[in-house]
C-alpha atoms as a PDB file:
ATOM      1  CA  MET A   1     -10.645  -0.947  24.817  1.00  0.00           C
ATOM      2  CA  ALA A   2     -14.282  -1.558  23.242  1.00  0.00           C
ATOM      3  CA  THR A   3     -14.088  -2.682  19.696  1.00  0.00           C
ATOM      4  CA  LYS A   4     -16.556  -2.796  16.885  1.00  0.00           C
ATOM      5  CA  THR A   5     -16.612  -5.089  13.619  1.00  0.00           C
ATOM      6  CA  PHE A   6     -17.106  -3.076  10.621  1.00  0.00           C
ATOM      7  CA  SER A   7     -17.293  -4.376   6.883  1.00  0.00           C
ATOM      8  CA  GLY A   8     -18.309  -3.024   3.232  1.00  0.00           C
ATOM      9  CA  ARG A   9     -18.644  -4.455  -0.160  1.00  0.00           C
ATOM     10  CA  GLY A  10     -16.329  -3.541  -2.731  1.00  0.00           C
ATOM     11  CA  ASP A  11     -15.142  -4.562  -6.440  1.00  0.00           C
ATOM     12  CA  VAL A  12     -12.961  -7.823  -5.810  1.00  0.00           C
ATOM     13  CA  GLY A  13     -10.354  -6.565  -8.361  1.00  0.00           C
ATOM     14  CA  LYS A  14      -9.703  -3.310  -6.196  1.00  0.00           C
ATOM     15  CA  LEU A  15      -9.840  -5.088  -2.916  1.00  0.00           C
ATOM     16  CA  ALA A  16      -7.010  -7.751  -4.151  1.00  0.00           C
ATOM     17  CA  TYR A  17      -4.927  -4.727  -5.300  1.00  0.00           C
ATOM     18  CA  ALA A  18      -5.612  -3.085  -1.642  1.00  0.00           C
ATOM     19  CA  ASP A  19      -4.635  -5.981  -0.007  1.00  0.00           C
ATOM     20  CA  ALA A  20      -1.415  -6.349  -2.169  1.00  0.00           C
ATOM     21  CA  LEU A  21      -0.499  -2.843  -1.237  1.00  0.00           C
ATOM     22  CA  ALA A  22      -1.320  -3.325   2.440  1.00  0.00           C
ATOM     23  CA  LEU A  23       0.725  -6.477   2.605  1.00  0.00           C
ATOM     24  CA  ARG A  24       3.737  -4.937   0.652  1.00  0.00           C
ATOM     25  CA  GLU A  25       3.740  -1.477   2.521  1.00  0.00           C
ATOM     26  CA  TYR A  26       2.633  -2.632   6.011  1.00  0.00           C
ATOM     27  CA  GLY A  27       2.558  -6.200   6.261  1.00  0.00           C
ATOM     28  CA  MET A  28      -1.117  -6.817   7.075  1.00  0.00           C
ATOM     29  CA  SER A  29      -4.214  -7.395   5.129  1.00  0.00           C
ATOM     30  CA  TYR A  30      -6.329  -4.564   3.761  1.00  0.00           C
ATOM     31  CA  GLY A  31      -8.797  -5.092   6.665  1.00  0.00           C
ATOM     32  CA  GLN A  32      -6.039  -5.046   9.309  1.00  0.00           C
ATOM     33  CA  TYR A  33      -4.790  -1.685   7.746  1.00  0.00           C
ATOM     34  CA  CYS A  34      -8.107  -0.069   7.879  1.00  0.00           C
ATOM     35  CA  GLY A  35      -8.623  -1.041  11.714  1.00  0.00           C
ATOM     36  CA  SER A  36      -5.450   0.009  12.567  1.00  0.00           C
ATOM     37  CA  ILE A  37      -3.267   2.477  10.372  1.00  0.00           C
ATOM     38  CA  LEU A  38      -6.357   4.158   8.931  1.00  0.00           C
ATOM     39  CA  LEU A  39      -8.337   4.447  11.923  1.00  0.00           C
ATOM     40  CA  ASP A  40      -5.186   5.742  14.011  1.00  0.00           C
ATOM     41  CA  TYR A  41      -4.547   8.508  11.161  1.00  0.00           C
ATOM     42  CA  VAL A  42      -8.218   9.610  11.536  1.00  0.00           C
ATOM     43  CA  HIS A  43      -8.317   9.548  15.167  1.00  0.00           C
ATOM     44  CA  ALA A  44      -5.142  11.604  15.383  1.00  0.00           C
ATOM     45  CA  GLU A  45      -6.027  14.175  12.278  1.00  0.00           C
ATOM     46  CA  HIS A  46      -9.672  14.144  13.054  1.00  0.00           C
ATOM     47  CA  ALA A  47     -10.303  14.028   9.718  1.00  0.00           C
ATOM     48  CA  LEU A  48     -10.266  11.309   6.677  1.00  0.00           C
ATOM     49  CA  PRO A  49      -7.258  11.261   4.337  1.00  0.00           C
ATOM     50  CA  ALA A  50      -7.069  13.497   1.415  1.00  0.00           C
ATOM     51  CA  VAL A  51      -7.905  11.929  -1.747  1.00  0.00           C
ATOM     52  CA  SER A  52      -5.984  13.563  -4.782  1.00  0.00           C
ATOM     53  CA  THR A  53      -7.558  14.250  -8.030  1.00  0.00           C
ATOM     54  CA  ALA A  54      -6.477  12.393 -11.020  1.00  0.00           C
ATOM     55  CA  ASN A  55      -5.155  15.835 -12.205  1.00  0.00           C
ATOM     56  CA  GLU A  56      -2.991  16.463  -8.756  1.00  0.00           C
ATOM     57  CA  MET A  57      -1.691  12.867  -9.289  1.00  0.00           C
ATOM     58  CA  ARG A  58      -0.494  13.506 -12.980  1.00  0.00           C
ATOM     59  CA  GLU A  59       1.054  16.900 -11.565  1.00  0.00           C
ATOM     60  CA  GLN A  60       2.866  14.994  -8.901  1.00  0.00           C
ATOM     61  CA  ARG A  61       3.943  12.445 -10.938  1.00  0.00           C
ATOM     62  CA  ALA A  62       5.427  14.914 -13.568  1.00  0.00           C
ATOM     63  CA  ALA A  63       7.290  16.911 -10.822  1.00  0.00           C
ATOM     64  CA  ALA A  64       8.637  13.738  -9.464  1.00  0.00           C
ATOM     65  CA  LEU A  65      10.037  12.528 -12.920  1.00  0.00           C
ATOM     66  CA  ALA A  66      11.163  16.059 -13.662  1.00  0.00           C
ATOM     67  CA  HIS A  67      13.126  15.766 -10.271  1.00  0.00           C
ATOM     68  CA  MET A  68      14.482  12.485 -11.135  1.00  0.00           C
ATOM     69  CA  ARG A  69      15.583  13.741 -14.689  1.00  0.00           C
ATOM     70  CA  GLU A  70      17.321  16.480 -13.350  1.00  0.00           C
ATOM     71  CA  MET A  71      19.306  14.170 -10.406  1.00  0.00           C
ATOM     72  CA  SER A  72      20.588  11.891 -13.313  1.00  0.00           C
ATOM     73  CA  GLU A  73      21.708  14.868 -15.618  1.00  0.00           C
ATOM     74  CA  ARG A  74      23.682  16.299 -12.493  1.00  0.00           C
ATOM     75  CA  LEU A  75      25.240  12.928 -11.814  1.00  0.00           C
ATOM     76  CA  ARG A  76      26.076  11.905 -15.245  1.00  0.00           C
ATOM     77  CA  GLY A  77      29.875  11.086 -15.505  1.00  0.00           C
ATOM     78  CA  SER A  78      30.146  11.129 -11.595  1.00  0.00           C
ATOM     79  CA  LYS A  79      31.948   8.034  -9.820  1.00  0.00           C
ATOM     80  CA  LEU A  80      28.582   7.352  -8.390  1.00  0.00           C
ATOM     81  CA  ALA A  81      27.028   6.959 -12.024  1.00  0.00           C
ATOM     82  CA  GLN A  82      29.760   4.620 -13.031  1.00  0.00           C
ATOM     83  CA  MET A  83      29.421   2.346 -10.088  1.00  0.00           C
ATOM     84  CA  SER A  84      27.534  -1.112 -10.286  1.00  0.00           C
ATOM     85  CA  GLY A  85      24.712  -1.698  -7.922  1.00  0.00           C
ATOM     86  CA  GLU A  86      26.838  -4.018  -6.062  1.00  0.00           C
ATOM     87  CA  ASP A  87      29.588  -1.302  -5.497  1.00  0.00           C
ATOM     88  CA  MET A  88      26.793   0.932  -4.319  1.00  0.00           C
ATOM     89  CA  LYS A  89      25.630  -1.660  -1.825  1.00  0.00           C
ATOM     90  CA  ARG A  90      29.101  -2.078  -0.551  1.00  0.00           C
ATOM     91  CA  LEU A  91      29.428   1.772  -0.265  1.00  0.00           C
ATOM     92  CA  ILE A  92      26.189   2.260   1.761  1.00  0.00           C
ATOM     93  CA  ALA A  93      26.877  -0.862   4.051  1.00  0.00           C
ATOM     94  CA  GLY A  94      30.566   0.241   4.641  1.00  0.00           C
ATOM     95  CA  ARG A  95      28.993   3.586   6.046  1.00  0.00           C
ATOM     96  CA  TYR A  96      27.211   1.703   8.739  1.00  0.00           C
ATOM     97  CA  GLU A  97      29.980  -0.719   9.759  1.00  0.00           C
END
């Protein structure tokens, strides 16, 4: 496979943040992410990833928070709600033994 080097300039703070996210999510630098994950997506989808507007992101966040509140209300008082973090870990681990 032939390859080509590409580069761009960006705000140092934004690049550091993107690098940290790529490392956390994919275990690679942002440059490696762009040269692999992102390019693979573009090739497979024949399009660039859609960028959400600030309003869409607020709506998605509000919907997610509403769902989390609903779940916490539904589970309030249940046996699961009374468990400690360690108890939950043991419960989950026990399902895979």
